[in-house]
Structures are given as structure tokens and as C-alpha cells.
Amino acid sequence: MRRSRNPRSCVACKRERPPREMLRVVRTPEGEATLDEAGRLSGRGAYVCPEPQCVALCLKKRLLEKSLKCEIPEAVRTRLKELAHVDEESVALAENALNDEVCSTLSLAHRAGELLIGQDRVLDAITAGQTLLVVLSCDYSETLMRSLVLKGTAPRIMTEVSRLELGRLLGLRQAQIAALPAKSGFAKKLEELLPEEGGNAVE
């Protein structure tokens, strides 16, 4: 099967390019992900630009998993890094870009009055039956995590945001937990930025 000549969008930067200029990962009919270096494999495919920042960002945000709805083997991840020449600087840039986007989304949600901040407010809201997207700082307490798990809530972890940084962002001394209505547009954005473990396709 020859790869289509129609432009495809990068899962990371969303720019359109001819397929031959991009890296393609395919989910085979057996449900496994593999790198289509020759551009001839059949199956559902997702594309990423061969630039280091795009590959680093798509791996960091697990965009291929989301697109193909399957796990990406470590061998495929390693080969993508090799082909795009991903180095530590590229990874750092991707992490910074992701962190900035997470913080910007939280800040906008706070200004819009949609954000619940603090352990008591969030836990009380969950107990009252509200469906929330809960986010935690990277240095959250295990006691808080246990309380959330007991209430059947699986929080998203901001791996690059500490209590002090989250507090500063929200005008407080520190904060380790925040939440917003699960149907909120801000919540949907954060779900994309802070995906759960696990796996939309372009083709």
C-alpha cells in the first residue's frame, strides 16, 4: 500500500505537510503500533513532523497513543527519537512548552471563576456529587491522594508544577490541588495536556 499524497497534520504542531516528509506510526489490524518507515504499511496512521521538538512533544503528551488508541512500544519511541535527533534540549523545550500551556489554561479557568482550589473545597464538591477534573501538583501528599482514590477520583498530575508554583499562579502561598467541572472547556483542554496512562487518528 502506497502512502497517500494528500497533506497530513502533525499530531504535535498541527501543521500540514506531504506524508513523505513526515514520520508515520501505524496501528496494524492486530492492534499493535509500528513505525512505517517505508510508507507502505496498511492500517490506521498518525503523523508527526521529523523535527526534534515535535517528536519530543508528541511523546511527552502521549499524542500517538491518543490518536491511535493503543500503546506505543518503547522500540518505536526510541526509533522516533533517533530519526528526529531528539536530544535533552529538545525534551526540555517540549516540557517547558507543555508546562506553560497547562499553567495558562489553569490561569484562564481561575479568572473565569471555574476553578475550585484547596483540599476541603474539592473533596466537599466531590462528596456533593459534582463531576470534576482534579489536578495535583507534582509534590502532592499521599494522604490527599488516598482521599481522592477513596472517593473514586483519578486526578491528573502536573509533573512540572510544584505546590509553590501552583500557589503563585493562583495568587496563594501554595496549593497542591485544584479542580473544575469535567464538562468545562478548560477541563477538556487539561485532559489533552495531562493525559491518563493509556492510549484520534489522522488516517
Protein backbone atom coordinates (compact mmCIF):
# COMPACT_ATOMS: atom_id res chain seq x y z
CA MET A 1 0.00 0.00 0.00
CA ARG A 2 1.45 3.38 -1.00
CA ARG A 3 1.18 6.30 1.34
CA SER A 4 -1.40 8.94 0.33
CA ARG A 5 -0.08 12.13 -1.26
CA ASN A 6 -2.69 14.26 0.49
CA PRO A 7 -1.23 16.56 3.18
CA ARG A 8 -1.37 15.25 6.73
CA SER A 9 -1.39 17.10 10.04
CA CYS A 10 1.31 16.63 12.66
CA VAL A 11 -0.15 15.38 15.94
CA ALA A 12 2.11 17.80 17.81
CA CYS A 13 2.24 21.14 15.94
CA LYS A 14 -0.86 20.58 13.70
CA ARG A 15 0.98 21.85 10.59
CA GLU A 16 0.13 20.13 7.31
CA ARG A 17 2.87 18.57 5.20
CA PRO A 18 3.13 15.93 2.47
CA PRO A 19 3.16 12.46 4.07
CA ARG A 20 6.56 11.64 2.58
CA GLU A 21 8.08 14.46 4.66
CA MET A 22 6.70 13.11 7.94
CA LEU A 23 7.15 10.18 10.30
CA ARG A 24 4.21 7.77 10.33
CA VAL A 25 3.22 5.38 13.07
CA VAL A 26 0.62 2.78 12.17
CA ARG A 27 -1.79 0.73 14.21
CA THR A 28 -1.90 -2.61 12.44
CA PRO A 29 -5.08 -4.69 12.05
CA GLU A 30 -3.81 -6.71 15.00
CA GLY A 31 -3.92 -3.57 17.17
CA GLU A 32 -0.17 -3.11 17.50
CA ALA A 33 1.73 0.11 16.79
CA THR A 34 4.73 0.11 14.46
CA LEU A 35 6.81 2.71 12.66
CA ASP A 36 6.09 2.83 8.91
CA GLU A 37 9.48 3.98 7.63
CA ALA A 38 8.79 2.89 4.03
CA GLY A 39 5.32 4.42 3.93
CA ARG A 40 3.68 1.25 2.67
CA LEU A 41 2.02 -0.37 5.67
CA SER A 42 -1.75 -0.64 5.82
CA GLY A 43 -3.59 0.40 8.94
CA ARG A 44 -4.64 3.48 10.82
CA GLY A 45 -1.81 6.02 10.87
CA ALA A 46 -0.74 9.09 12.80
CA TYR A 47 1.87 11.55 11.58
CA VAL A 48 4.49 13.69 13.28
CA CYS A 49 6.99 16.15 11.83
CA PRO A 50 10.59 14.86 11.89
CA GLU A 51 11.70 17.88 13.93
CA PRO A 52 13.06 17.18 17.44
CA GLN A 53 10.57 19.41 19.26
CA CYS A 54 7.55 17.84 17.54
CA VAL A 55 8.67 14.29 18.31
CA ALA A 56 9.63 15.19 21.89
CA LEU A 57 6.27 16.90 22.46
CA CYS A 58 4.21 14.09 20.97
CA LEU A 59 6.00 11.54 23.14
CA LYS A 60 5.73 13.70 26.25
CA LYS A 61 1.99 14.25 25.77
CA ARG A 62 1.37 10.68 24.53
CA LEU A 63 -0.28 12.08 21.41
CA LEU A 64 0.34 8.97 19.36
CA GLU A 65 -1.39 6.84 21.98
CA LYS A 66 -4.37 9.19 21.93
CA SER A 67 -4.50 9.25 18.16
CA LEU A 68 -4.13 5.52 17.56
CA LYS A 69 -5.77 4.38 20.80
CA CYS A 70 -3.08 1.81 21.53
CA GLU A 71 0.23 1.63 23.37
CA ILE A 72 3.38 2.72 21.57
CA PRO A 73 6.22 0.20 22.14
CA GLU A 74 9.45 1.52 23.60
CA ALA A 75 11.31 0.42 20.46
CA VAL A 76 9.08 2.68 18.34
CA ARG A 77 9.57 5.61 20.71
CA THR A 78 13.34 5.11 20.62
CA ARG A 79 13.42 4.91 16.81
CA LEU A 80 11.35 8.11 16.50
CA LYS A 81 13.87 9.90 18.72
CA GLU A 82 16.73 8.61 16.59
CA LEU A 83 15.13 9.68 13.29
CA ALA A 84 14.30 13.16 14.64
CA HIS A 85 17.61 13.54 16.50
CA VAL A 86 15.87 14.25 19.78
CA ASP A 87 18.31 15.42 22.45
CA GLU A 88 18.00 16.68 26.02
CA GLU A 89 17.47 20.25 24.84
CA SER A 90 14.52 19.19 22.67
CA VAL A 91 12.97 17.30 25.57
CA ALA A 92 13.43 20.32 27.86
CA LEU A 93 11.82 22.64 25.30
CA ALA A 94 8.87 20.28 24.93
CA GLU A 95 8.44 20.05 28.70
CA ASN A 96 8.57 23.83 29.06
CA ALA A 97 6.00 24.32 26.28
CA LEU A 98 3.67 21.79 27.90
CA ASN A 99 4.13 23.32 31.34
CA ASP A 100 3.39 26.82 30.00
CA GLU A 101 0.20 25.59 28.32
CA VAL A 102 -1.01 23.85 31.49
CA CYS A 103 -0.36 26.94 33.60
CA SER A 104 -2.03 29.23 31.06
CA THR A 105 -5.16 27.05 30.99
CA LEU A 106 -5.38 26.95 34.80
CA SER A 107 -4.91 30.72 34.99
CA LEU A 108 -7.70 31.34 32.47
CA ALA A 109 -10.02 28.94 34.33
CA HIS A 110 -9.26 30.75 37.58
CA ARG A 111 -10.06 34.15 36.04
CA ALA A 112 -13.30 32.73 34.65
CA GLY A 113 -14.33 31.65 38.15
CA GLU A 114 -14.47 27.94 37.25
CA LEU A 115 -11.60 26.71 39.43
CA LEU A 116 -12.00 25.12 42.85
CA ILE A 117 -8.83 25.45 44.90
CA GLY A 118 -7.86 23.63 48.07
CA GLN A 119 -8.36 20.18 49.54
CA ASP A 120 -11.52 20.91 51.54
CA ARG A 121 -13.38 22.63 48.70
CA VAL A 122 -12.52 19.96 46.17
CA LEU A 123 -13.29 16.99 48.42
CA ASP A 124 -16.59 18.59 49.57
CA ALA A 125 -17.60 19.16 45.94
CA ILE A 126 -16.85 15.52 45.07
CA THR A 127 -18.84 14.34 48.11
CA ALA A 128 -21.74 16.52 46.96
CA GLY A 129 -21.79 14.62 43.69
CA GLN A 130 -20.06 17.08 41.38
CA THR A 131 -18.16 15.56 38.46
CA LEU A 132 -14.79 17.25 38.41
CA LEU A 133 -11.45 17.10 36.69
CA VAL A 134 -8.93 17.18 39.53
CA VAL A 135 -5.30 18.19 39.08
CA LEU A 136 -2.47 17.85 41.58
CA SER A 137 0.95 19.42 41.89
CA CYS A 138 3.93 17.13 41.43
CA ASP A 139 4.66 17.20 45.18
CA TYR A 140 1.14 16.26 46.35
CA SER A 141 0.70 14.48 49.68
CA GLU A 142 -0.03 10.75 49.77
CA THR A 143 -2.82 11.43 52.27
CA LEU A 144 -4.58 13.65 49.76
CA MET A 145 -4.16 11.06 47.02
CA ARG A 146 -5.65 8.36 49.24
CA SER A 147 -8.65 10.60 50.00
CA LEU A 148 -9.26 11.11 46.28
CA VAL A 149 -8.91 7.40 45.50
CA LEU A 150 -11.38 6.52 48.24
CA LYS A 151 -13.87 8.85 46.55
CA GLY A 152 -13.32 7.18 43.20
CA THR A 153 -11.44 10.12 41.69
CA ALA A 154 -8.38 9.70 39.48
CA PRO A 155 -6.53 13.04 39.41
CA ARG A 156 -4.21 14.28 36.67
CA ILE A 157 -0.68 15.05 37.85
CA MET A 158 1.16 18.22 36.80
CA THR A 159 4.62 16.68 36.72
CA GLU A 160 6.40 20.02 36.23
CA VAL A 161 4.36 22.18 38.66
CA SER A 162 5.11 22.27 42.38
CA ARG A 163 2.86 23.48 45.22
CA LEU A 164 4.71 26.78 45.36
CA GLU A 165 4.42 27.29 41.60
CA LEU A 166 0.73 26.42 41.55
CA GLY A 167 0.09 28.71 44.51
CA ARG A 168 1.97 31.57 42.85
CA LEU A 169 -0.06 31.04 39.69
CA LEU A 170 -3.32 31.27 41.63
CA GLY A 171 -2.31 34.14 43.94
CA LEU A 172 -1.73 31.95 47.01
CA ARG A 173 1.26 30.96 49.10
CA GLN A 174 0.96 27.40 47.86
CA ALA A 175 -1.60 24.93 46.52
CA GLN A 176 -1.44 21.24 45.72
CA ILE A 177 -4.93 20.63 44.36
CA ALA A 178 -7.39 22.34 42.05
CA ALA A 179 -10.46 21.17 40.16
CA LEU A 180 -13.03 22.33 37.66
CA PRO A 181 -16.27 20.95 36.18
CA ALA A 182 -15.49 17.99 33.94
CA LYS A 183 -17.66 19.40 31.13
CA SER A 184 -15.81 22.72 31.14
CA GLY A 185 -13.84 23.63 28.03
CA PHE A 186 -10.86 24.28 30.29
CA ALA A 187 -11.18 20.76 31.72
CA LYS A 188 -11.21 19.23 28.26
CA LYS A 189 -8.09 21.20 27.40
CA LEU A 190 -6.31 19.98 30.52
CA GLU A 191 -7.33 16.40 29.72
CA GLU A 192 -5.47 16.77 26.44
CA LEU A 193 -2.42 18.28 28.12
CA LEU A 194 -2.34 15.88 31.07
CA PRO A 195 -3.48 12.55 29.60
CA GLU A 196 -4.01 9.47 31.69
CA GLU A 197 -1.86 6.45 31.06
CA GLY A 198 -3.17 4.67 28.01
CA GLY A 199 -3.94 5.48 24.62
CA ASN A 200 -7.77 10.17 17.07
CA ALA A 201 -6.14 9.23 14.12
CA VAL A 202 -5.32 11.13 11.03
CA GLU A 203 -5.80 8.28 8.63
